[in-house]
Amino acid sequence: MRTTLTLDEDVATRLQALRQAHREGFKSIINRALRLGLEALEQPQEGGVVYRTRPIGVGVCLLGSLDNVAEAVAVAEGDAYR
């Protein structure tokens, strides 16, 4: 398959360095890099950390609704909060 790629400058520089170090053609280096990259992308992600929290009972809510911030502050601080 023939296609045109536009490479970022840093990627092109690294590919050129690899090509010279391994004395391979540009096409060969590109294909090898793509194969390795595709293999890495196809692998399931490992090492993800799973965080768990334990629920605790805190009792009944003392407010009818937590939507009214002024009411919540009044209950927590008393009516003198203003």
N, C-alpha and C. Protein backbone atom coordinates (compact mmCIF):
# COMPACT_ATOMS: atom_id res chain seq x y z
N MET A 1 0.85 -1.18 0.00
CA MET A 1 0.00 0.00 0.00
C MET A 1 0.89 1.24 0.00
N ARG A 2 0.55 2.18 -0.80
CA ARG A 2 1.30 3.42 -0.89
C ARG A 2 0.45 4.53 -0.27
N THR A 3 1.09 5.31 0.60
CA THR A 3 0.38 6.42 1.23
C THR A 3 1.37 7.54 1.53
N THR A 4 0.85 8.70 1.87
CA THR A 4 1.68 9.84 2.23
C THR A 4 1.49 10.13 3.71
N LEU A 5 2.59 10.29 4.42
CA LEU A 5 2.54 10.61 5.84
C LEU A 5 3.16 11.99 6.07
N THR A 6 2.55 12.75 6.93
CA THR A 6 3.15 14.00 7.37
C THR A 6 3.61 13.77 8.81
N LEU A 7 4.91 13.81 9.01
CA LEU A 7 5.48 13.51 10.32
C LEU A 7 5.81 14.79 11.07
N ASP A 8 5.62 14.74 12.37
CA ASP A 8 6.09 15.84 13.21
C ASP A 8 7.61 15.86 13.17
N GLU A 9 8.18 17.03 13.38
CA GLU A 9 9.63 17.20 13.24
C GLU A 9 10.41 16.28 14.18
N ASP A 10 9.94 16.15 15.43
CA ASP A 10 10.66 15.30 16.38
C ASP A 10 10.61 13.83 15.98
N VAL A 11 9.48 13.39 15.42
CA VAL A 11 9.35 12.01 14.98
C VAL A 11 10.26 11.75 13.78
N ALA A 12 10.28 12.68 12.84
CA ALA A 12 11.12 12.53 11.64
C ALA A 12 12.60 12.47 12.02
N THR A 13 13.00 13.29 12.98
CA THR A 13 14.39 13.30 13.42
C THR A 13 14.77 11.96 14.05
N ARG A 14 13.89 11.44 14.89
CA ARG A 14 14.17 10.14 15.53
C ARG A 14 14.21 9.02 14.51
N LEU A 15 13.32 9.06 13.53
CA LEU A 15 13.32 8.03 12.49
C LEU A 15 14.59 8.09 11.65
N GLN A 16 15.04 9.28 11.33
CA GLN A 16 16.28 9.43 10.56
C GLN A 16 17.47 8.89 11.35
N ALA A 17 17.51 9.17 12.63
CA ALA A 17 18.61 8.68 13.47
C ALA A 17 18.60 7.16 13.52
N LEU A 18 17.43 6.55 13.67
CA LEU A 18 17.32 5.10 13.68
C LEU A 18 17.74 4.51 12.32
N ARG A 19 17.31 5.15 11.27
CA ARG A 19 17.65 4.68 9.92
C ARG A 19 19.16 4.65 9.74
N GLN A 20 19.83 5.68 10.18
CA GLN A 20 21.29 5.74 10.03
C GLN A 20 21.98 4.75 10.97
N ALA A 21 21.47 4.61 12.19
CA ALA A 21 22.10 3.72 13.16
C ALA A 21 21.97 2.25 12.74
N HIS A 22 20.83 1.90 12.16
CA HIS A 22 20.58 0.51 11.79
C HIS A 22 20.87 0.23 10.31
N ARG A 23 21.23 1.29 9.60
CA ARG A 23 21.53 1.17 8.17
C ARG A 23 20.40 0.46 7.41
N GLU A 24 19.20 0.93 7.68
CA GLU A 24 18.01 0.39 7.02
C GLU A 24 17.37 1.50 6.19
N GLY A 25 16.51 1.08 5.29
CA GLY A 25 15.77 2.05 4.50
C GLY A 25 14.68 2.71 5.33
N PHE A 26 14.25 3.86 4.86
CA PHE A 26 13.22 4.61 5.58
C PHE A 26 11.93 3.81 5.67
N LYS A 27 11.56 3.14 4.57
CA LYS A 27 10.34 2.34 4.54
C LYS A 27 10.41 1.22 5.58
N SER A 28 11.54 0.57 5.70
CA SER A 28 11.71 -0.52 6.66
C SER A 28 11.58 -0.02 8.10
N ILE A 29 12.21 1.11 8.39
CA ILE A 29 12.15 1.69 9.74
C ILE A 29 10.72 2.10 10.08
N ILE A 30 10.03 2.73 9.14
CA ILE A 30 8.64 3.16 9.36
C ILE A 30 7.77 1.94 9.64
N ASN A 31 7.89 0.90 8.82
CA ASN A 31 7.07 -0.29 9.01
C ASN A 31 7.35 -0.96 10.36
N ARG A 32 8.61 -1.02 10.76
CA ARG A 32 8.96 -1.62 12.04
C ARG A 32 8.38 -0.80 13.19
N ALA A 33 8.52 0.52 13.11
CA ALA A 33 7.99 1.40 14.16
C ALA A 33 6.47 1.28 14.25
N LEU A 34 5.81 1.23 13.11
CA LEU A 34 4.35 1.11 13.11
C LEU A 34 3.91 -0.24 13.69
N ARG A 35 4.60 -1.31 13.34
CA ARG A 35 4.25 -2.62 13.88
C ARG A 35 4.38 -2.64 15.40
N LEU A 36 5.51 -2.13 15.90
CA LEU A 36 5.71 -2.09 17.36
C LEU A 36 4.67 -1.21 18.04
N GLY A 37 4.38 -0.07 17.44
CA GLY A 37 3.39 0.82 18.02
C GLY A 37 2.00 0.22 18.01
N LEU A 38 1.64 -0.45 16.92
CA LEU A 38 0.32 -1.08 16.84
C LEU A 38 0.19 -2.22 17.85
N GLU A 39 1.25 -3.00 18.01
CA GLU A 39 1.22 -4.06 19.01
C GLU A 39 1.01 -3.49 20.41
N ALA A 40 1.68 -2.41 20.71
CA ALA A 40 1.53 -1.77 22.02
C ALA A 40 0.11 -1.23 22.21
N LEU A 41 -0.46 -0.65 21.16
CA LEU A 41 -1.81 -0.10 21.26
C LEU A 41 -2.87 -1.18 21.38
N GLU A 42 -2.61 -2.35 20.81
CA GLU A 42 -3.58 -3.44 20.84
C GLU A 42 -3.59 -4.20 22.16
N GLN A 43 -2.54 -4.06 22.96
CA GLN A 43 -2.46 -4.74 24.24
C GLN A 43 -3.37 -4.06 25.24
N PRO A 44 -4.03 -4.85 26.08
CA PRO A 44 -4.85 -4.23 27.13
C PRO A 44 -3.97 -3.46 28.09
N GLN A 45 -4.49 -2.36 28.58
CA GLN A 45 -3.73 -1.52 29.51
C GLN A 45 -3.59 -2.26 30.83
N GLU A 46 -2.38 -2.29 31.36
CA GLU A 46 -2.10 -2.98 32.61
C GLU A 46 -1.70 -1.97 33.68
N GLY A 47 -1.76 -2.43 34.90
CA GLY A 47 -1.23 -1.64 36.00
C GLY A 47 -2.13 -0.53 36.48
N GLY A 48 -3.36 -0.51 36.05
CA GLY A 48 -4.27 0.51 36.54
C GLY A 48 -4.56 0.30 38.01
N VAL A 49 -4.54 1.36 38.77
CA VAL A 49 -4.79 1.27 40.20
C VAL A 49 -6.29 1.41 40.43
N VAL A 50 -6.83 0.48 41.18
CA VAL A 50 -8.25 0.53 41.50
C VAL A 50 -8.40 1.06 42.92
N TYR A 51 -9.12 2.13 43.04
CA TYR A 51 -9.37 2.73 44.36
C TYR A 51 -10.76 2.34 44.82
N ARG A 52 -10.85 1.96 46.06
CA ARG A 52 -12.14 1.60 46.63
C ARG A 52 -12.35 2.39 47.92
N THR A 53 -13.57 2.80 48.13
CA THR A 53 -13.92 3.46 49.39
C THR A 53 -15.01 2.63 50.06
N ARG A 54 -14.93 2.57 51.37
CA ARG A 54 -15.93 1.83 52.12
C ARG A 54 -17.02 2.79 52.55
N PRO A 55 -18.26 2.41 52.34
CA PRO A 55 -19.35 3.28 52.81
C PRO A 55 -19.48 3.20 54.33
N ILE A 56 -19.87 4.31 54.91
CA ILE A 56 -20.12 4.33 56.36
C ILE A 56 -21.47 4.98 56.58
N GLY A 57 -22.13 4.59 57.63
CA GLY A 57 -23.41 5.19 57.98
C GLY A 57 -23.19 6.46 58.80
N VAL A 58 -23.79 7.54 58.39
CA VAL A 58 -23.64 8.80 59.12
C VAL A 58 -24.95 9.24 59.75
N GLY A 59 -25.94 8.41 59.66
CA GLY A 59 -27.22 8.75 60.27
C GLY A 59 -28.14 9.48 59.31
N VAL A 60 -29.19 10.00 59.87
CA VAL A 60 -30.22 10.67 59.09
C VAL A 60 -29.81 12.11 58.83
N CYS A 61 -30.11 12.61 57.67
CA CYS A 61 -29.83 14.00 57.31
C CYS A 61 -30.69 14.92 58.18
N LEU A 62 -30.08 15.91 58.79
CA LEU A 62 -30.80 16.83 59.67
C LEU A 62 -31.54 17.91 58.90
N LEU A 63 -31.29 18.00 57.62
CA LEU A 63 -31.95 19.00 56.79
C LEU A 63 -32.96 18.34 55.87
N GLY A 64 -33.94 19.10 55.49
CA GLY A 64 -34.89 18.58 54.51
C GLY A 64 -34.23 18.42 53.16
N SER A 65 -33.33 19.36 52.81
CA SER A 65 -32.66 19.33 51.52
C SER A 65 -31.31 20.02 51.65
N LEU A 66 -30.32 19.52 50.95
CA LEU A 66 -29.02 20.17 50.94
C LEU A 66 -28.90 21.17 49.79
N ASP A 67 -29.98 21.38 49.06
CA ASP A 67 -29.97 22.31 47.93
C ASP A 67 -29.90 23.76 48.39
N ASN A 68 -30.43 24.06 49.56
CA ASN A 68 -30.44 25.42 50.08
C ASN A 68 -29.22 25.60 50.98
N VAL A 69 -28.18 26.25 50.46
CA VAL A 69 -26.92 26.41 51.19
C VAL A 69 -27.13 27.26 52.43
N ALA A 70 -27.95 28.30 52.35
CA ALA A 70 -28.19 29.17 53.50
C ALA A 70 -28.81 28.39 54.65
N GLU A 71 -29.72 27.49 54.32
CA GLU A 71 -30.36 26.67 55.36
C GLU A 71 -29.33 25.72 55.99
N ALA A 72 -28.48 25.13 55.16
CA ALA A 72 -27.47 24.21 55.68
C ALA A 72 -26.50 24.93 56.61
N VAL A 73 -26.08 26.15 56.25
CA VAL A 73 -25.17 26.92 57.09
C VAL A 73 -25.87 27.34 58.38
N ALA A 74 -27.15 27.71 58.27
CA ALA A 74 -27.90 28.11 59.46
C ALA A 74 -28.00 26.97 60.45
N VAL A 75 -28.22 25.76 59.97
CA VAL A 75 -28.32 24.60 60.87
C VAL A 75 -26.95 24.30 61.47
N ALA A 76 -25.89 24.37 60.66
CA ALA A 76 -24.55 24.03 61.14
C ALA A 76 -23.99 25.09 62.09
N GLU A 77 -24.25 26.37 61.80
CA GLU A 77 -23.63 27.45 62.57
C GLU A 77 -24.61 28.12 63.52
N GLY A 78 -25.87 27.85 63.37
CA GLY A 78 -26.87 28.55 64.17
C GLY A 78 -27.31 29.78 63.41
N ASP A 79 -28.37 30.36 63.83
CA ASP A 79 -28.92 31.53 63.13
C ASP A 79 -28.03 32.76 63.23
N ALA A 80 -27.03 32.77 64.08
CA ALA A 80 -26.17 33.92 64.26
C ALA A 80 -25.06 33.97 63.21
N TYR A 81 -25.09 33.11 62.22
CA TYR A 81 -24.01 33.07 61.21
C TYR A 81 -24.00 34.31 60.33
N ARG A 82 -25.14 35.00 60.27
CA ARG A 82 -25.23 36.18 59.40
C ARG A 82 -24.56 37.29 60.06
